[in-house]
Amino acid sequence: MHNDIYGRQILTEDDLCEAYLRDQSISIQNAIVNKAIKFDPSLELENIPKLLQVGDITQSKEDFDSASQSNWYMPSEYKEMDIASWILTQCQTDAELQRVGQELLLFQERDLFPLLCYCKYLVDTMRKHNIVWGVGRGSSVSSYVLFLIGIHKIDSLFYDLSIDEFLK
């Protein structure tokens, strides 16, 4: 298993079989394999999904990244969510509102609202499935918005962390 220059995870037939043997409930529908996997046509395997074979990409890495970033894989309720309003409703003080307003402008300037929606979906999914994640690290802990979403557990207002450390 390896990643190509576009960040796609490329699987070998062995990688795919090993993953499926570990957990038959996983979806292999969107797996990208390094070569066509041939099945015996005499077998009637109706439940085996077709696999995507790695193809040549004709666009530049930058164009590929831009197109991929505009297509976040999450339920439509999160894609269509007014994330700014939701975050603002999490604020309890004027200081929190002021900080969140400042940060939301920075996220908006960088067209990162879809990322915030995905972060909310990710945290909700991890909570739903009782998945434990870290308390936070790096410059992301200086974002109060990410704290409110639940990405990390560091209250940047309490510790007086400047938003300037994030989104440089």
C-alpha atoms as a PDB file:
ATOM      1  CA  MET A   1       0.000   0.000   0.000  1.00  0.00           C
ATOM      2  CA  HIS A   2       1.324   3.438  -0.896  1.00  0.00           C
ATOM      3  CA  ASN A   3       0.140   6.929  -1.787  1.00  0.00           C
ATOM      4  CA  ASP A   4       0.662   8.417  -5.213  1.00  0.00           C
ATOM      5  CA  ILE A   5       1.620  12.061  -5.775  1.00  0.00           C
ATOM      6  CA  TYR A   6      -2.067  13.008  -5.564  1.00  0.00           C
ATOM      7  CA  GLY A   7      -2.397  11.535  -2.072  1.00  0.00           C
ATOM      8  CA  ARG A   8      -4.572   8.637  -3.234  1.00  0.00           C
ATOM      9  CA  GLN A   9      -4.016   5.444  -1.270  1.00  0.00           C
ATOM     10  CA  ILE A  10      -3.176   2.715  -3.778  1.00  0.00           C
ATOM     11  CA  LEU A  11      -3.823  -0.864  -2.683  1.00  0.00           C
ATOM     12  CA  THR A  12      -2.407  -4.114  -3.938  1.00  0.00           C
ATOM     13  CA  GLU A  13      -4.574  -7.187  -4.248  1.00  0.00           C
ATOM     14  CA  ASP A  14      -2.915  -8.538  -1.077  1.00  0.00           C
ATOM     15  CA  ASP A  15      -3.640  -5.296   0.835  1.00  0.00           C
ATOM     16  CA  LEU A  16      -7.289  -5.470  -0.152  1.00  0.00           C
ATOM     17  CA  CYS A  17      -7.665  -9.142   0.769  1.00  0.00           C
ATOM     18  CA  GLU A  18      -5.954  -8.640   4.122  1.00  0.00           C
ATOM     19  CA  ALA A  19      -8.194  -5.673   5.012  1.00  0.00           C
ATOM     20  CA  TYR A  20     -11.320  -7.565   3.970  1.00  0.00           C
ATOM     21  CA  LEU A  21     -10.319 -10.669   5.932  1.00  0.00           C
ATOM     22  CA  ARG A  22      -9.830  -8.545   9.053  1.00  0.00           C
ATOM     23  CA  ASP A  23     -13.264  -6.953   8.716  1.00  0.00           C
ATOM     24  CA  GLN A  24     -15.859  -8.176   6.201  1.00  0.00           C
ATOM     25  CA  SER A  25     -18.107  -5.219   7.005  1.00  0.00           C
ATOM     26  CA  ILE A  26     -15.693  -2.685   5.475  1.00  0.00           C
ATOM     27  CA  SER A  27     -16.665  -1.110   2.210  1.00  0.00           C
ATOM     28  CA  ILE A  28     -14.233  -1.831  -0.593  1.00  0.00           C
ATOM     29  CA  GLN A  29     -16.456  -0.098  -3.149  1.00  0.00           C
ATOM     30  CA  ASN A  30     -14.154   2.914  -3.477  1.00  0.00           C
ATOM     31  CA  ALA A  31     -10.837   1.113  -3.061  1.00  0.00           C
ATOM     32  CA  ILE A  32      -8.266   2.069  -5.660  1.00  0.00           C
ATOM     33  CA  VAL A  33      -6.119  -0.856  -6.762  1.00  0.00           C
ATOM     34  CA  ASN A  34      -2.805  -0.805  -8.568  1.00  0.00           C
ATOM     35  CA  LYS A  35      -3.912  -3.260 -11.265  1.00  0.00           C
ATOM     36  CA  ALA A  36      -7.125  -4.861 -12.404  1.00  0.00           C
ATOM     37  CA  ILE A  37      -8.123  -7.760 -10.197  1.00  0.00           C
ATOM     38  CA  LYS A  38      -9.515 -10.565 -12.277  1.00  0.00           C
ATOM     39  CA  PHE A  39     -12.280 -12.720 -10.863  1.00  0.00           C
ATOM     40  CA  ASP A  40     -13.229 -16.124 -12.196  1.00  0.00           C
ATOM     41  CA  PRO A  41     -16.345 -15.350 -14.296  1.00  0.00           C
ATOM     42  CA  SER A  42     -17.770 -18.779 -13.498  1.00  0.00           C
ATOM     43  CA  LEU A  43     -18.209 -17.673  -9.895  1.00  0.00           C
ATOM     44  CA  GLU A  44     -21.456 -15.884  -9.270  1.00  0.00           C
ATOM     45  CA  LEU A  45     -20.283 -13.226  -6.837  1.00  0.00           C
ATOM     46  CA  GLU A  46     -23.101 -10.738  -6.971  1.00  0.00           C
ATOM     47  CA  ASN A  47     -22.141  -9.035  -3.704  1.00  0.00           C
ATOM     48  CA  ILE A  48     -18.556  -8.252  -4.736  1.00  0.00           C
ATOM     49  CA  PRO A  49     -18.410  -4.596  -5.797  1.00  0.00           C
ATOM     50  CA  LYS A  50     -16.451  -3.417  -8.792  1.00  0.00           C
ATOM     51  CA  LEU A  51     -13.107  -1.912  -7.844  1.00  0.00           C
ATOM     52  CA  LEU A  52     -11.588   1.242  -9.244  1.00  0.00           C
ATOM     53  CA  GLN A  53      -8.330   0.740 -11.066  1.00  0.00           C
ATOM     54  CA  VAL A  54      -5.744   3.471 -10.746  1.00  0.00           C
ATOM     55  CA  GLY A  55      -5.919   5.599 -13.825  1.00  0.00           C
ATOM     56  CA  ASP A  56      -3.768   8.326 -15.194  1.00  0.00           C
ATOM     57  CA  ILE A  57      -4.743  11.784 -14.054  1.00  0.00           C
ATOM     58  CA  THR A  58      -4.428  14.387 -16.749  1.00  0.00           C
ATOM     59  CA  GLN A  59      -4.717  17.434 -14.519  1.00  0.00           C
ATOM     60  CA  SER A  60      -1.979  19.057 -12.474  1.00  0.00           C
ATOM     61  CA  LYS A  61      -1.539  18.129  -8.814  1.00  0.00           C
ATOM     62  CA  GLU A  62      -2.795  21.613  -7.836  1.00  0.00           C
ATOM     63  CA  ASP A  63      -5.970  21.269  -9.948  1.00  0.00           C
ATOM     64  CA  PHE A  64      -6.536  17.754  -8.574  1.00  0.00           C
ATOM     65  CA  ASP A  65      -6.165  19.048  -4.994  1.00  0.00           C
ATOM     66  CA  SER A  66      -8.565  21.915  -5.669  1.00  0.00           C
ATOM     67  CA  ALA A  67     -11.193  19.615  -7.184  1.00  0.00           C
ATOM     68  CA  SER A  68     -10.808  17.106  -4.335  1.00  0.00           C
ATOM     69  CA  GLN A  69     -11.129  19.788  -1.671  1.00  0.00           C
ATOM     70  CA  SER A  70     -14.407  20.965  -3.149  1.00  0.00           C
ATOM     71  CA  ASN A  71     -15.921  17.488  -2.774  1.00  0.00           C
ATOM     72  CA  TRP A  72     -15.889  16.575   0.914  1.00  0.00           C
ATOM     73  CA  TYR A  73     -17.292  13.116   1.654  1.00  0.00           C
ATOM     74  CA  MET A  74     -19.833  13.711   4.381  1.00  0.00           C
ATOM     75  CA  PRO A  75     -23.609  13.544   4.754  1.00  0.00           C
ATOM     76  CA  SER A  76     -25.544  16.369   3.100  1.00  0.00           C
ATOM     77  CA  GLU A  77     -26.810  17.609   6.488  1.00  0.00           C
ATOM     78  CA  TYR A  78     -23.206  18.589   7.279  1.00  0.00           C
ATOM     79  CA  LYS A  79     -22.423  19.893   3.778  1.00  0.00           C
ATOM     80  CA  GLU A  80     -25.444  22.200   3.945  1.00  0.00           C
ATOM     81  CA  MET A  81     -24.955  23.158   7.590  1.00  0.00           C
ATOM     82  CA  ASP A  82     -24.618  26.842   8.472  1.00  0.00           C
ATOM     83  CA  ILE A  83     -21.475  26.150  10.466  1.00  0.00           C
ATOM     84  CA  ALA A  84     -20.908  29.801  11.376  1.00  0.00           C
ATOM     85  CA  SER A  85     -24.334  30.061  13.015  1.00  0.00           C
ATOM     86  CA  TRP A  86     -23.852  26.780  14.851  1.00  0.00           C
ATOM     87  CA  ILE A  87     -20.469  27.897  16.209  1.00  0.00           C
ATOM     88  CA  LEU A  88     -21.852  31.274  17.270  1.00  0.00           C
ATOM     89  CA  THR A  89     -24.618  29.531  19.249  1.00  0.00           C
ATOM     90  CA  GLN A  90     -21.926  27.727  21.252  1.00  0.00           C
ATOM     91  CA  CYS A  91     -20.614  31.037  22.629  1.00  0.00           C
ATOM     92  CA  GLN A  92     -21.659  32.047  26.136  1.00  0.00           C
ATOM     93  CA  THR A  93     -19.839  35.348  26.685  1.00  0.00           C
ATOM     94  CA  ASP A  94     -19.070  38.507  24.737  1.00  0.00           C
ATOM     95  CA  ALA A  95     -15.363  37.612  24.762  1.00  0.00           C
ATOM     96  CA  GLU A  96     -16.167  34.250  23.160  1.00  0.00           C
ATOM     97  CA  LEU A  97     -18.396  35.910  20.542  1.00  0.00           C
ATOM     98  CA  GLN A  98     -15.676  38.429  19.700  1.00  0.00           C
ATOM     99  CA  ARG A  99     -12.989  35.746  19.350  1.00  0.00           C
ATOM    100  CA  VAL A 100     -15.240  33.454  17.297  1.00  0.00           C
ATOM    101  CA  GLY A 101     -16.199  36.339  15.009  1.00  0.00           C
ATOM    102  CA  GLN A 102     -12.539  37.135  14.426  1.00  0.00           C
ATOM    103  CA  GLU A 103     -11.691  33.500  13.693  1.00  0.00           C
ATOM    104  CA  LEU A 104     -14.695  32.914  11.447  1.00  0.00           C
ATOM    105  CA  LEU A 105     -13.593  35.847   9.284  1.00  0.00           C
ATOM    106  CA  LEU A 106     -10.165  34.215   8.927  1.00  0.00           C
ATOM    107  CA  PHE A 107     -11.719  30.868   8.000  1.00  0.00           C
ATOM    108  CA  GLN A 108     -14.079  32.572   5.542  1.00  0.00           C
ATOM    109  CA  GLU A 109     -11.240  34.518   3.871  1.00  0.00           C
ATOM    110  CA  ARG A 110      -9.521  31.197   3.190  1.00  0.00           C
ATOM    111  CA  ASP A 111     -12.749  29.472   2.032  1.00  0.00           C
ATOM    112  CA  LEU A 112     -12.438  26.935   4.862  1.00  0.00           C
ATOM    113  CA  PHE A 113     -16.074  26.656   5.964  1.00  0.00           C
ATOM    114  CA  PRO A 114     -16.373  23.243   4.225  1.00  0.00           C
ATOM    115  CA  LEU A 115     -13.418  22.114   6.347  1.00  0.00           C
ATOM    116  CA  LEU A 116     -15.196  23.279   9.502  1.00  0.00           C
ATOM    117  CA  CYS A 117     -18.323  21.365   8.451  1.00  0.00           C
ATOM    118  CA  TYR A 118     -16.207  18.265   7.921  1.00  0.00           C
ATOM    119  CA  CYS A 119     -14.538  18.738  11.320  1.00  0.00           C
ATOM    120  CA  LYS A 120     -17.985  18.877  12.942  1.00  0.00           C
ATOM    121  CA  TYR A 121     -19.006  15.699  11.094  1.00  0.00           C
ATOM    122  CA  LEU A 122     -15.755  13.974  12.107  1.00  0.00           C
ATOM    123  CA  VAL A 123     -16.137  14.861  15.799  1.00  0.00           C
ATOM    124  CA  ASP A 124     -19.820  13.860  15.821  1.00  0.00           C
ATOM    125  CA  THR A 125     -18.938  10.530  14.190  1.00  0.00           C
ATOM    126  CA  MET A 126     -16.118   9.839  16.644  1.00  0.00           C
ATOM    127  CA  ARG A 127     -18.380  10.651  19.597  1.00  0.00           C
ATOM    128  CA  LYS A 128     -21.164   8.451  18.205  1.00  0.00           C
ATOM    129  CA  HIS A 129     -18.777   5.496  17.942  1.00  0.00           C
ATOM    130  CA  ASN A 130     -16.912   6.186  21.211  1.00  0.00           C
ATOM    131  CA  ILE A 131     -13.619   6.792  19.405  1.00  0.00           C
ATOM    132  CA  VAL A 132     -11.004   8.532  21.521  1.00  0.00           C
ATOM    133  CA  TRP A 133      -8.881  11.276  19.966  1.00  0.00           C
ATOM    134  CA  GLY A 134      -6.108  13.474  21.326  1.00  0.00           C
ATOM    135  CA  VAL A 135      -6.383  16.594  23.423  1.00  0.00           C
ATOM    136  CA  GLY A 136      -4.803  18.689  20.668  1.00  0.00           C
ATOM    137  CA  ARG A 137      -1.408  19.709  19.442  1.00  0.00           C
ATOM    138  CA  GLY A 138       0.398  22.266  17.385  1.00  0.00           C
ATOM    139  CA  SER A 139      -0.984  25.572  16.247  1.00  0.00           C
ATOM    140  CA  SER A 140      -4.536  24.200  15.956  1.00  0.00           C
ATOM    141  CA  VAL A 141      -4.964  24.610  19.726  1.00  0.00           C
ATOM    142  CA  SER A 142      -4.840  28.377  19.274  1.00  0.00           C
ATOM    143  CA  SER A 143      -8.189  28.197  17.456  1.00  0.00           C
ATOM    144  CA  TYR A 144     -11.188  28.696  19.715  1.00  0.00           C
ATOM    145  CA  VAL A 145     -13.506  27.662  16.862  1.00  0.00           C
ATOM    146  CA  LEU A 146     -11.831  24.242  16.682  1.00  0.00           C
ATOM    147  CA  PHE A 147     -12.150  23.997  20.468  1.00  0.00           C
ATOM    148  CA  LEU A 148     -15.903  24.638  20.232  1.00  0.00           C
ATOM    149  CA  ILE A 149     -16.276  22.031  17.476  1.00  0.00           C
ATOM    150  CA  GLY A 150     -14.397  19.553  19.645  1.00  0.00           C
ATOM    151  CA  ILE A 151     -11.297  18.961  17.530  1.00  0.00           C
ATOM    152  CA  HIS A 152      -9.154  19.632  20.590  1.00  0.00           C
ATOM    153  CA  LYS A 153      -9.685  20.240  24.295  1.00  0.00           C
ATOM    154  CA  ILE A 154      -7.503  23.323  24.785  1.00  0.00           C
ATOM    155  CA  ASP A 155      -9.455  26.491  25.607  1.00  0.00           C
ATOM    156  CA  SER A 156      -7.386  29.101  23.764  1.00  0.00           C
ATOM    157  CA  LEU A 157      -9.226  31.958  25.511  1.00  0.00           C
ATOM    158  CA  PHE A 158      -8.433  30.575  28.952  1.00  0.00           C
ATOM    159  CA  TYR A 159      -4.750  30.157  28.054  1.00  0.00           C
ATOM    160  CA  ASP A 160      -4.660  33.459  26.126  1.00  0.00           C
ATOM    161  CA  LEU A 161      -3.383  31.816  22.920  1.00  0.00           C
ATOM    162  CA  SER A 162      -3.249  34.148  19.947  1.00  0.00           C
ATOM    163  CA  ILE A 163      -5.137  33.168  16.805  1.00  0.00           C
ATOM    164  CA  ASP A 164      -2.143  34.540  14.900  1.00  0.00           C
ATOM    165  CA  GLU A 165      -0.409  31.207  15.578  1.00  0.00           C
ATOM    166  CA  PHE A 166      -3.049  29.468  13.500  1.00  0.00           C
ATOM    167  CA  LEU A 167      -3.864  30.010   9.806  1.00  0.00           C
ATOM    168  CA  LYS A 168      -0.584  31.801   9.109  1.00  0.00           C
END
